C-alpha cells in the first residue's frame, strides 16, 4: 500500500501513549526490530492460552515497506497463522503494518498495528495503536466478542511495556 492510499476502515481501535526517557532515534531503533517489539507473542502466557507464536522474518526483517512478517503457532489447541506486511515506515517517527491474505486467528480478525514517536519533555512520546475487526467466522465470533478487546489491549500494553522496560 502506498503512503497516500486510504487505509482499510476497521470497527475497533485501541491505543496507549507513554513518555520514554530516551531520544526518539533510540526508541525507534528498538521498536523497529520486530523481534524486540513482538517478543510477547513468542512466550507462553495466560493471554496466549498457554501457547506461543513463532516469528519468521523475510530478508527485509520487517524494516522496509513491503517486508513480510509471518507468525504461526498453536493456542488453545488451534493452529494460528498470520502474515503482516510493513505498509509505512518513516524513521524515526512512524511505523505501521497490517495483516494480509488468509489469516487464522481466534479473537480478532485482520488488523493494522503501528507506533508513532514524537518529542516529549522526558525524551520521547511513544504511542502504539491497533485498528482491528472482530472475527467473522461463526466458530470464532463469540470468542472475539468476549475476548477481542481484552486481547487488543494486552497486545498494545505488552509493546508499550517492552519499550519502557528496555529504557528503564
N, C-alpha and C. Protein backbone atom coordinates (compact mmCIF):
# COMPACT_ATOMS: atom_id res chain seq x y z
N UNK A 1 0.85 -1.18 0.00
CA UNK A 1 0.00 0.00 0.00
C UNK A 1 0.89 1.24 0.00
N UNK A 2 0.58 2.18 -0.84
CA UNK A 2 1.35 3.42 -0.91
C UNK A 2 0.94 4.34 0.24
N UNK A 3 1.86 5.21 0.62
CA UNK A 3 1.67 6.13 1.75
C UNK A 3 0.38 6.95 1.63
N UNK A 4 0.00 7.35 0.42
CA UNK A 4 -1.17 8.22 0.27
C UNK A 4 -2.47 7.47 0.03
N UNK A 5 -2.44 6.13 -0.05
CA UNK A 5 -3.67 5.38 -0.22
C UNK A 5 -4.44 5.36 1.09
N UNK A 6 -5.75 5.30 0.99
CA UNK A 6 -6.59 5.25 2.17
C UNK A 6 -6.51 3.86 2.80
N UNK A 7 -6.29 3.83 4.08
CA UNK A 7 -6.20 2.57 4.80
C UNK A 7 -7.60 1.97 4.97
N UNK A 8 -7.64 0.67 5.16
CA UNK A 8 -8.90 -0.03 5.43
C UNK A 8 -9.54 0.54 6.69
N UNK A 9 -10.83 0.62 6.68
CA UNK A 9 -11.57 1.06 7.86
C UNK A 9 -11.84 -0.16 8.76
N UNK A 10 -11.54 -0.05 10.02
CA UNK A 10 -11.78 -1.11 10.99
C UNK A 10 -12.86 -0.68 11.96
N UNK A 11 -13.46 -1.66 12.62
CA UNK A 11 -14.56 -1.36 13.55
C UNK A 11 -14.08 -1.03 14.95
N UNK A 12 -12.85 -1.38 15.29
CA UNK A 12 -12.34 -1.19 16.66
C UNK A 12 -10.97 -0.54 16.62
N UNK A 13 -10.64 0.17 17.72
CA UNK A 13 -9.32 0.79 17.87
C UNK A 13 -8.95 0.82 19.35
N UNK A 14 -7.67 0.59 19.61
CA UNK A 14 -7.13 0.77 20.95
C UNK A 14 -5.74 1.35 20.81
N UNK A 15 -5.40 2.32 21.67
CA UNK A 15 -4.06 2.90 21.65
C UNK A 15 -3.65 3.31 23.05
N UNK A 16 -2.35 3.33 23.26
CA UNK A 16 -1.76 3.82 24.51
C UNK A 16 -0.54 4.64 24.17
N UNK A 17 -0.30 5.65 25.01
CA UNK A 17 0.83 6.54 24.80
C UNK A 17 1.55 6.71 26.13
N UNK A 18 2.88 6.81 26.06
CA UNK A 18 3.68 6.94 27.28
C UNK A 18 4.93 7.77 27.00
N UNK A 19 5.39 8.47 28.02
CA UNK A 19 6.66 9.19 27.92
C UNK A 19 7.79 8.20 28.17
N UNK A 20 8.84 8.30 27.36
CA UNK A 20 10.01 7.42 27.49
C UNK A 20 11.24 8.30 27.66
N UNK A 21 12.06 7.98 28.64
CA UNK A 21 13.28 8.75 28.90
C UNK A 21 14.40 8.29 27.98
N UNK A 22 14.20 8.56 26.70
CA UNK A 22 15.21 8.19 25.70
C UNK A 22 14.98 9.04 24.46
N UNK A 23 16.02 9.26 23.67
CA UNK A 23 15.87 10.03 22.43
C UNK A 23 14.99 9.29 21.41
N UNK A 24 14.33 10.04 20.55
CA UNK A 24 13.44 9.49 19.54
C UNK A 24 14.15 8.43 18.70
N UNK A 25 15.37 8.71 18.25
CA UNK A 25 16.11 7.74 17.41
C UNK A 25 16.32 6.41 18.12
N UNK A 26 16.63 6.44 19.40
CA UNK A 26 16.87 5.21 20.15
C UNK A 26 15.58 4.41 20.33
N UNK A 27 14.48 5.10 20.59
CA UNK A 27 13.18 4.43 20.75
C UNK A 27 12.80 3.77 19.43
N UNK A 28 12.96 4.50 18.33
CA UNK A 28 12.62 3.93 17.03
C UNK A 28 13.48 2.70 16.73
N UNK A 29 14.78 2.79 16.97
CA UNK A 29 15.68 1.66 16.69
C UNK A 29 15.25 0.41 17.44
N UNK A 30 14.85 0.55 18.70
CA UNK A 30 14.40 -0.60 19.47
C UNK A 30 13.08 -1.15 18.93
N UNK A 31 12.09 -0.27 18.74
CA UNK A 31 10.76 -0.70 18.31
C UNK A 31 10.76 -1.19 16.86
N UNK A 32 11.68 -0.72 16.04
CA UNK A 32 11.75 -1.13 14.64
C UNK A 32 12.22 -2.57 14.48
N UNK A 33 12.86 -3.12 15.49
CA UNK A 33 13.31 -4.51 15.47
C UNK A 33 12.14 -5.38 15.94
N UNK A 34 11.50 -6.05 14.99
CA UNK A 34 10.27 -6.79 15.31
C UNK A 34 10.50 -7.89 16.34
N UNK A 35 11.71 -8.41 16.43
CA UNK A 35 11.97 -9.44 17.44
C UNK A 35 11.93 -8.85 18.84
N UNK A 36 12.24 -7.58 19.00
CA UNK A 36 12.06 -6.89 20.29
C UNK A 36 10.59 -6.60 20.51
N UNK A 37 9.97 -6.04 19.49
CA UNK A 37 8.65 -5.44 19.64
C UNK A 37 7.54 -6.48 19.78
N UNK A 38 7.70 -7.65 19.20
CA UNK A 38 6.65 -8.67 19.30
C UNK A 38 7.05 -9.84 20.18
N UNK A 39 8.04 -9.64 21.01
CA UNK A 39 8.56 -10.74 21.83
C UNK A 39 7.49 -11.34 22.75
N UNK A 40 6.47 -10.56 23.11
CA UNK A 40 5.41 -11.08 23.98
C UNK A 40 4.63 -12.21 23.32
N UNK A 41 4.63 -12.27 21.99
CA UNK A 41 3.92 -13.32 21.26
C UNK A 41 4.73 -14.62 21.21
N UNK A 42 6.02 -14.52 21.45
CA UNK A 42 6.91 -15.67 21.33
C UNK A 42 7.12 -16.39 22.65
N UNK A 43 6.39 -15.96 23.69
CA UNK A 43 6.49 -16.59 25.00
C UNK A 43 5.13 -17.12 25.41
N UNK A 44 5.13 -18.25 26.08
CA UNK A 44 3.89 -18.80 26.61
C UNK A 44 3.34 -17.87 27.70
N UNK A 45 2.04 -17.61 27.66
CA UNK A 45 1.42 -16.75 28.67
C UNK A 45 -0.05 -17.11 28.79
N UNK A 46 -0.68 -16.73 29.92
CA UNK A 46 -2.11 -16.99 30.06
C UNK A 46 -2.94 -16.33 28.95
N UNK A 47 -2.55 -15.13 28.52
CA UNK A 47 -3.32 -14.45 27.47
C UNK A 47 -3.20 -15.18 26.14
N UNK A 48 -2.13 -15.93 25.98
CA UNK A 48 -1.95 -16.72 24.77
C UNK A 48 -2.46 -18.15 24.97
N UNK A 49 -3.25 -18.35 26.01
CA UNK A 49 -3.82 -19.67 26.28
C UNK A 49 -2.76 -20.72 26.52
N UNK A 50 -1.61 -20.29 27.03
CA UNK A 50 -0.50 -21.21 27.28
C UNK A 50 0.33 -21.49 26.04
N UNK A 51 -0.12 -21.01 24.90
CA UNK A 51 0.61 -21.24 23.64
C UNK A 51 1.55 -20.09 23.34
N UNK A 52 2.20 -20.19 22.21
CA UNK A 52 3.09 -19.12 21.76
C UNK A 52 3.19 -19.17 20.25
N UNK A 53 3.72 -18.11 19.70
CA UNK A 53 3.86 -17.99 18.25
C UNK A 53 5.34 -17.98 17.88
N UNK A 54 5.63 -18.46 16.69
CA UNK A 54 6.97 -18.38 16.12
C UNK A 54 6.94 -17.23 15.11
N UNK A 55 7.95 -16.36 15.16
CA UNK A 55 8.04 -15.23 14.24
C UNK A 55 9.07 -15.53 13.16
N UNK A 56 8.67 -15.36 11.91
CA UNK A 56 9.55 -15.61 10.78
C UNK A 56 9.65 -14.31 9.97
N UNK A 57 10.85 -13.77 9.89
CA UNK A 57 11.09 -12.52 9.17
C UNK A 57 11.65 -12.82 7.77
N UNK A 58 11.25 -12.02 6.79
CA UNK A 58 11.84 -12.15 5.46
C UNK A 58 13.17 -11.40 5.42
N UNK A 59 13.77 -11.30 4.24
CA UNK A 59 15.08 -10.65 4.12
C UNK A 59 15.05 -9.18 4.52
N UNK A 60 13.88 -8.53 4.48
CA UNK A 60 13.75 -7.14 4.92
C UNK A 60 13.65 -7.00 6.43
N UNK A 61 13.52 -8.12 7.14
CA UNK A 61 13.47 -8.17 8.60
C UNK A 61 12.38 -7.27 9.20
N UNK A 62 11.32 -7.00 8.41
CA UNK A 62 10.25 -6.13 8.91
C UNK A 62 10.68 -4.69 9.04
N UNK A 63 11.75 -4.32 8.34
CA UNK A 63 12.28 -2.97 8.48
C UNK A 63 12.29 -2.18 7.17
N UNK A 64 11.54 -2.66 6.18
CA UNK A 64 11.35 -1.93 4.93
C UNK A 64 9.90 -2.08 4.50
N UNK A 65 9.36 -1.07 3.84
CA UNK A 65 8.00 -1.15 3.34
C UNK A 65 7.92 -2.32 2.37
N UNK A 66 6.91 -3.15 2.55
CA UNK A 66 6.73 -4.34 1.73
C UNK A 66 7.26 -5.61 2.35
N UNK A 67 8.05 -5.49 3.40
CA UNK A 67 8.60 -6.64 4.10
C UNK A 67 7.48 -7.41 4.79
N UNK A 68 7.60 -8.75 4.80
CA UNK A 68 6.60 -9.61 5.44
C UNK A 68 7.12 -10.19 6.74
N UNK A 69 6.20 -10.31 7.70
CA UNK A 69 6.46 -10.96 8.98
C UNK A 69 5.37 -12.03 9.13
N UNK A 70 5.78 -13.28 9.22
CA UNK A 70 4.83 -14.38 9.38
C UNK A 70 4.91 -14.86 10.82
N UNK A 71 3.76 -15.11 11.41
CA UNK A 71 3.72 -15.69 12.74
C UNK A 71 2.80 -16.90 12.70
N UNK A 72 3.25 -17.98 13.33
CA UNK A 72 2.43 -19.18 13.39
C UNK A 72 2.67 -19.87 14.72
N UNK A 73 1.66 -20.58 15.17
CA UNK A 73 1.77 -21.28 16.44
C UNK A 73 0.49 -21.99 16.78
N UNK A 74 0.43 -22.48 18.01
CA UNK A 74 -0.73 -23.21 18.48
C UNK A 74 -1.19 -22.58 19.78
N UNK A 75 -2.45 -22.17 19.82
CA UNK A 75 -3.03 -21.56 21.01
C UNK A 75 -4.36 -22.23 21.29
N UNK A 76 -4.53 -22.72 22.49
CA UNK A 76 -5.76 -23.41 22.90
C UNK A 76 -6.14 -24.52 21.93
N UNK A 77 -5.13 -25.23 21.43
CA UNK A 77 -5.37 -26.34 20.53
C UNK A 77 -5.68 -25.95 19.10
N UNK A 78 -5.63 -24.67 18.79
CA UNK A 78 -5.89 -24.20 17.43
C UNK A 78 -4.59 -23.74 16.78
N UNK A 79 -4.39 -24.13 15.53
CA UNK A 79 -3.24 -23.65 14.77
C UNK A 79 -3.54 -22.24 14.27
N UNK A 80 -2.69 -21.30 14.66
CA UNK A 80 -2.87 -19.91 14.27
C UNK A 80 -1.83 -19.54 13.23
N UNK A 81 -2.20 -18.58 12.37
CA UNK A 81 -1.31 -18.13 11.32
C UNK A 81 -1.67 -16.69 10.97
N UNK A 82 -0.64 -15.88 10.75
CA UNK A 82 -0.88 -14.54 10.21
C UNK A 82 0.33 -14.11 9.40
N UNK A 83 0.05 -13.26 8.44
CA UNK A 83 1.08 -12.67 7.59
C UNK A 83 0.87 -11.16 7.67
N UNK A 84 1.90 -10.46 8.11
CA UNK A 84 1.85 -9.00 8.20
C UNK A 84 2.79 -8.41 7.17
N UNK A 85 2.42 -7.25 6.64
CA UNK A 85 3.29 -6.55 5.70
C UNK A 85 3.49 -5.12 6.20
N UNK A 86 4.72 -4.65 6.14
CA UNK A 86 5.02 -3.27 6.55
C UNK A 86 4.45 -2.35 5.48
N UNK A 87 3.59 -1.41 5.91
CA UNK A 87 2.93 -0.51 4.97
C UNK A 87 3.44 0.92 5.06
N UNK A 88 3.97 1.30 6.22
CA UNK A 88 4.52 2.65 6.41
C UNK A 88 5.75 2.53 7.31
N UNK A 89 6.76 3.28 6.97
CA UNK A 89 7.96 3.33 7.82
C UNK A 89 8.65 4.65 7.55
N UNK A 90 8.58 5.54 8.54
CA UNK A 90 9.17 6.87 8.44
C UNK A 90 10.10 7.08 9.64
N UNK A 91 11.34 6.57 9.56
CA UNK A 91 12.26 6.71 10.69
C UNK A 91 12.54 8.19 10.98
N UNK A 92 12.64 8.57 12.21
CA UNK A 92 12.45 7.79 13.43
C UNK A 92 11.08 8.04 14.08
N UNK A 93 10.06 8.28 13.27
CA UNK A 93 8.78 8.73 13.82
C UNK A 93 7.61 7.75 13.72
N UNK A 94 7.56 6.90 12.72
CA UNK A 94 6.36 6.11 12.50
C UNK A 94 6.68 4.80 11.80
N UNK A 95 5.90 3.78 12.20
CA UNK A 95 5.93 2.50 11.51
C UNK A 95 4.54 1.88 11.63
N UNK A 96 4.10 1.24 10.55
CA UNK A 96 2.77 0.63 10.55
C UNK A 96 2.80 -0.63 9.70
N UNK A 97 2.05 -1.65 10.12
CA UNK A 97 1.96 -2.88 9.37
C UNK A 97 0.55 -3.43 9.50
N UNK A 98 0.17 -4.29 8.55
CA UNK A 98 -1.18 -4.84 8.59
C UNK A 98 -1.17 -6.29 8.13
N UNK A 99 -2.18 -7.03 8.57
CA UNK A 99 -2.32 -8.41 8.14
C UNK A 99 -2.80 -8.43 6.71
N UNK A 100 -2.37 -9.47 6.00
CA UNK A 100 -2.77 -9.67 4.60
C UNK A 100 -3.09 -11.15 4.39
N UNK A 101 -3.88 -11.41 3.37
CA UNK A 101 -4.15 -12.78 2.97
C UNK A 101 -5.03 -13.54 3.94
N UNK A 102 -4.93 -14.85 3.87
CA UNK A 102 -5.76 -15.73 4.70
C UNK A 102 -5.14 -15.98 6.05
N UNK A 103 -5.57 -15.21 7.02
CA UNK A 103 -5.05 -15.37 8.39
C UNK A 103 -5.95 -16.33 9.15
N UNK A 104 -5.45 -16.88 10.23
CA UNK A 104 -6.24 -17.74 11.10
C UNK A 104 -5.97 -17.33 12.54
N UNK A 105 -6.84 -16.49 13.10
CA UNK A 105 -6.72 -16.01 14.48
C UNK A 105 -8.01 -16.34 15.23
N UNK A 106 -7.96 -16.29 16.56
CA UNK A 106 -9.12 -16.69 17.36
C UNK A 106 -10.02 -15.53 17.81
N UNK A 107 -9.44 -14.42 18.27
CA UNK A 107 -10.26 -13.40 18.92
C UNK A 107 -10.30 -12.06 18.20
N UNK A 108 -9.41 -11.87 17.24
CA UNK A 108 -9.51 -10.69 16.37
C UNK A 108 -9.32 -11.17 14.93
N UNK A 109 -9.70 -10.33 13.99
CA UNK A 109 -9.55 -10.64 12.58
C UNK A 109 -8.42 -9.76 12.04
N UNK A 110 -8.51 -9.37 10.80
CA UNK A 110 -7.48 -8.51 10.21
C UNK A 110 -7.30 -7.24 11.04
N UNK A 111 -6.07 -6.72 11.02
CA UNK A 111 -5.76 -5.54 11.81
C UNK A 111 -4.64 -4.73 11.16
N UNK A 112 -4.54 -3.49 11.60
CA UNK A 112 -3.39 -2.63 11.33
C UNK A 112 -2.81 -2.27 12.68
N UNK A 113 -1.52 -2.40 12.82
CA UNK A 113 -0.83 -2.13 14.08
C UNK A 113 0.30 -1.16 13.77
N UNK A 114 0.59 -0.27 14.70
CA UNK A 114 1.68 0.65 14.43
C UNK A 114 2.07 1.46 15.65
N UNK A 115 3.08 2.30 15.44
CA UNK A 115 3.51 3.20 16.51
C UNK A 115 3.93 4.53 15.93
N UNK A 116 3.80 5.55 16.77
CA UNK A 116 4.24 6.91 16.48
C UNK A 116 5.17 7.35 17.60
N UNK A 117 6.20 8.10 17.26
CA UNK A 117 7.13 8.61 18.25
C UNK A 117 7.31 10.11 17.99
N UNK A 118 7.21 10.88 19.05
CA UNK A 118 7.39 12.32 18.93
C UNK A 118 8.15 12.84 20.14
N UNK A 119 8.46 14.14 20.13
CA UNK A 119 9.18 14.72 21.26
C UNK A 119 8.32 14.81 22.51
N UNK A 120 8.97 14.74 23.65
CA UNK A 120 8.32 14.89 24.95
C UNK A 120 9.38 15.44 25.90
N UNK A 121 8.96 16.17 26.92
CA UNK A 121 9.96 16.74 27.84
C UNK A 121 10.79 15.66 28.52
N UNK A 122 10.25 14.42 28.62
CA UNK A 122 11.01 13.31 29.20
C UNK A 122 12.00 12.72 28.20
N UNK A 123 11.83 13.02 26.92
CA UNK A 123 12.67 12.48 25.86
C UNK A 123 11.83 12.20 24.62
N UNK A 124 10.93 11.21 24.73
CA UNK A 124 10.07 10.83 23.61
C UNK A 124 8.66 10.50 24.10
N UNK A 125 7.70 10.72 23.23
CA UNK A 125 6.32 10.29 23.46
C UNK A 125 6.10 9.13 22.51
N UNK A 126 5.80 7.95 23.07
CA UNK A 126 5.66 6.72 22.31
C UNK A 126 4.21 6.27 22.35
N UNK A 127 3.60 6.13 21.18
CA UNK A 127 2.20 5.72 21.07
C UNK A 127 2.10 4.46 20.22
N UNK A 128 1.41 3.45 20.74
CA UNK A 128 1.15 2.21 19.99
C UNK A 128 -0.35 2.11 19.80
N UNK A 129 -0.77 1.67 18.61
CA UNK A 129 -2.20 1.55 18.32
C UNK A 129 -2.47 0.29 17.51
N UNK A 130 -3.71 -0.19 17.64
CA UNK A 130 -4.19 -1.28 16.81
C UNK A 130 -5.60 -0.94 16.36
N UNK A 131 -5.83 -1.04 15.07
CA UNK A 131 -7.16 -0.93 14.47
C UNK A 131 -7.50 -2.33 14.00
N UNK A 132 -8.69 -2.83 14.37
CA UNK A 132 -8.97 -4.24 14.10
C UNK A 132 -10.47 -4.49 13.95
N UNK A 133 -10.76 -5.65 13.43
CA UNK A 133 -12.12 -6.16 13.35
C UNK A 133 -12.21 -7.41 14.20
N UNK A 134 -13.42 -7.73 14.62
CA UNK A 134 -13.66 -8.99 15.31
C UNK A 134 -13.79 -10.09 14.26
N UNK A 135 -13.58 -11.34 14.66
CA UNK A 135 -13.69 -12.44 13.70
C UNK A 135 -15.09 -12.50 13.08
N UNK A 136 -15.14 -12.93 11.83
CA UNK A 136 -16.42 -13.06 11.13
C UNK A 136 -16.91 -14.51 11.12
N UNK A 137 -16.01 -15.44 11.39
CA UNK A 137 -16.35 -16.86 11.39
C UNK A 137 -17.35 -17.16 12.50
N UNK A 138 -18.31 -18.01 12.21
CA UNK A 138 -19.32 -18.40 13.21
C UNK A 138 -18.64 -19.02 14.43
N UNK A 139 -17.60 -19.82 14.20
CA UNK A 139 -16.97 -20.51 15.33
C UNK A 139 -16.08 -19.62 16.19
N UNK A 140 -15.62 -18.48 15.67
CA UNK A 140 -14.76 -17.61 16.48
C UNK A 140 -15.38 -16.26 16.82
N UNK A 141 -16.54 -15.95 16.27
CA UNK A 141 -17.17 -14.65 16.52
C UNK A 141 -17.42 -14.43 18.01
N UNK A 142 -17.98 -15.44 18.68
CA UNK A 142 -18.28 -15.31 20.11
C UNK A 142 -16.99 -15.12 20.92
N UNK A 143 -15.94 -15.85 20.58
CA UNK A 143 -14.65 -15.65 21.26
C UNK A 143 -14.18 -14.22 21.08
N UNK A 144 -14.34 -13.70 19.88
CA UNK A 144 -13.97 -12.32 19.61
C UNK A 144 -14.77 -11.33 20.43
N UNK A 145 -16.08 -11.54 20.50
CA UNK A 145 -16.94 -10.65 21.30
C UNK A 145 -16.52 -10.67 22.77
N UNK A 146 -16.15 -11.84 23.27
CA UNK A 146 -15.79 -11.98 24.68
C UNK A 146 -14.36 -11.49 24.97
N UNK A 147 -13.42 -11.75 24.08
CA UNK A 147 -12.01 -11.54 24.41
C UNK A 147 -11.24 -10.64 23.45
N UNK A 148 -11.83 -10.24 22.35
CA UNK A 148 -11.10 -9.45 21.35
C UNK A 148 -10.55 -8.15 21.88
N UNK A 149 -11.41 -7.36 22.56
CA UNK A 149 -10.96 -6.07 23.09
C UNK A 149 -9.88 -6.27 24.17
N UNK A 150 -10.06 -7.28 25.00
CA UNK A 150 -9.08 -7.57 26.05
C UNK A 150 -7.74 -7.95 25.43
N UNK A 151 -7.78 -8.75 24.38
CA UNK A 151 -6.54 -9.16 23.71
C UNK A 151 -5.84 -7.96 23.05
N UNK A 152 -6.60 -7.11 22.38
CA UNK A 152 -6.01 -5.93 21.72
C UNK A 152 -5.32 -5.04 22.75
N UNK A 153 -5.96 -4.82 23.89
CA UNK A 153 -5.36 -4.00 24.95
C UNK A 153 -4.09 -4.66 25.48
N UNK A 154 -4.15 -5.98 25.71
CA UNK A 154 -2.98 -6.70 26.22
C UNK A 154 -1.82 -6.57 25.25
N UNK A 155 -2.08 -6.76 23.97
CA UNK A 155 -1.03 -6.71 22.96
C UNK A 155 -0.36 -5.33 22.93
N UNK A 156 -1.17 -4.27 22.88
CA UNK A 156 -0.62 -2.91 22.87
C UNK A 156 0.16 -2.64 24.15
N UNK A 157 -0.39 -3.03 25.28
CA UNK A 157 0.30 -2.80 26.56
C UNK A 157 1.62 -3.55 26.64
N UNK A 158 1.68 -4.76 26.08
CA UNK A 158 2.94 -5.51 26.08
C UNK A 158 4.00 -4.79 25.27
N UNK A 159 3.59 -4.20 24.15
CA UNK A 159 4.55 -3.47 23.31
C UNK A 159 5.04 -2.21 24.00
N UNK A 160 4.12 -1.48 24.62
CA UNK A 160 4.50 -0.27 25.37
C UNK A 160 5.40 -0.66 26.53
N UNK A 161 5.03 -1.69 27.27
CA UNK A 161 5.82 -2.13 28.42
C UNK A 161 7.23 -2.56 28.00
N UNK A 162 7.34 -3.24 26.87
CA UNK A 162 8.66 -3.66 26.39
C UNK A 162 9.58 -2.48 26.14
N UNK A 163 9.03 -1.41 25.56
CA UNK A 163 9.84 -0.21 25.31
C UNK A 163 10.23 0.46 26.63
N UNK A 164 9.26 0.60 27.52
CA UNK A 164 9.53 1.24 28.81
C UNK A 164 10.60 0.46 29.58
N UNK A 165 10.47 -0.85 29.64
CA UNK A 165 11.45 -1.66 30.37
C UNK A 165 12.83 -1.62 29.73
N UNK A 166 12.88 -1.58 28.42
CA UNK A 166 14.17 -1.50 27.74
C UNK A 166 14.92 -0.22 28.10
N UNK A 167 14.20 0.88 28.24
CA UNK A 167 14.86 2.17 28.50
C UNK A 167 14.83 2.56 29.98
N UNK A 168 14.44 1.66 30.84
CA UNK A 168 14.41 1.94 32.28
C UNK A 168 15.81 2.01 32.82
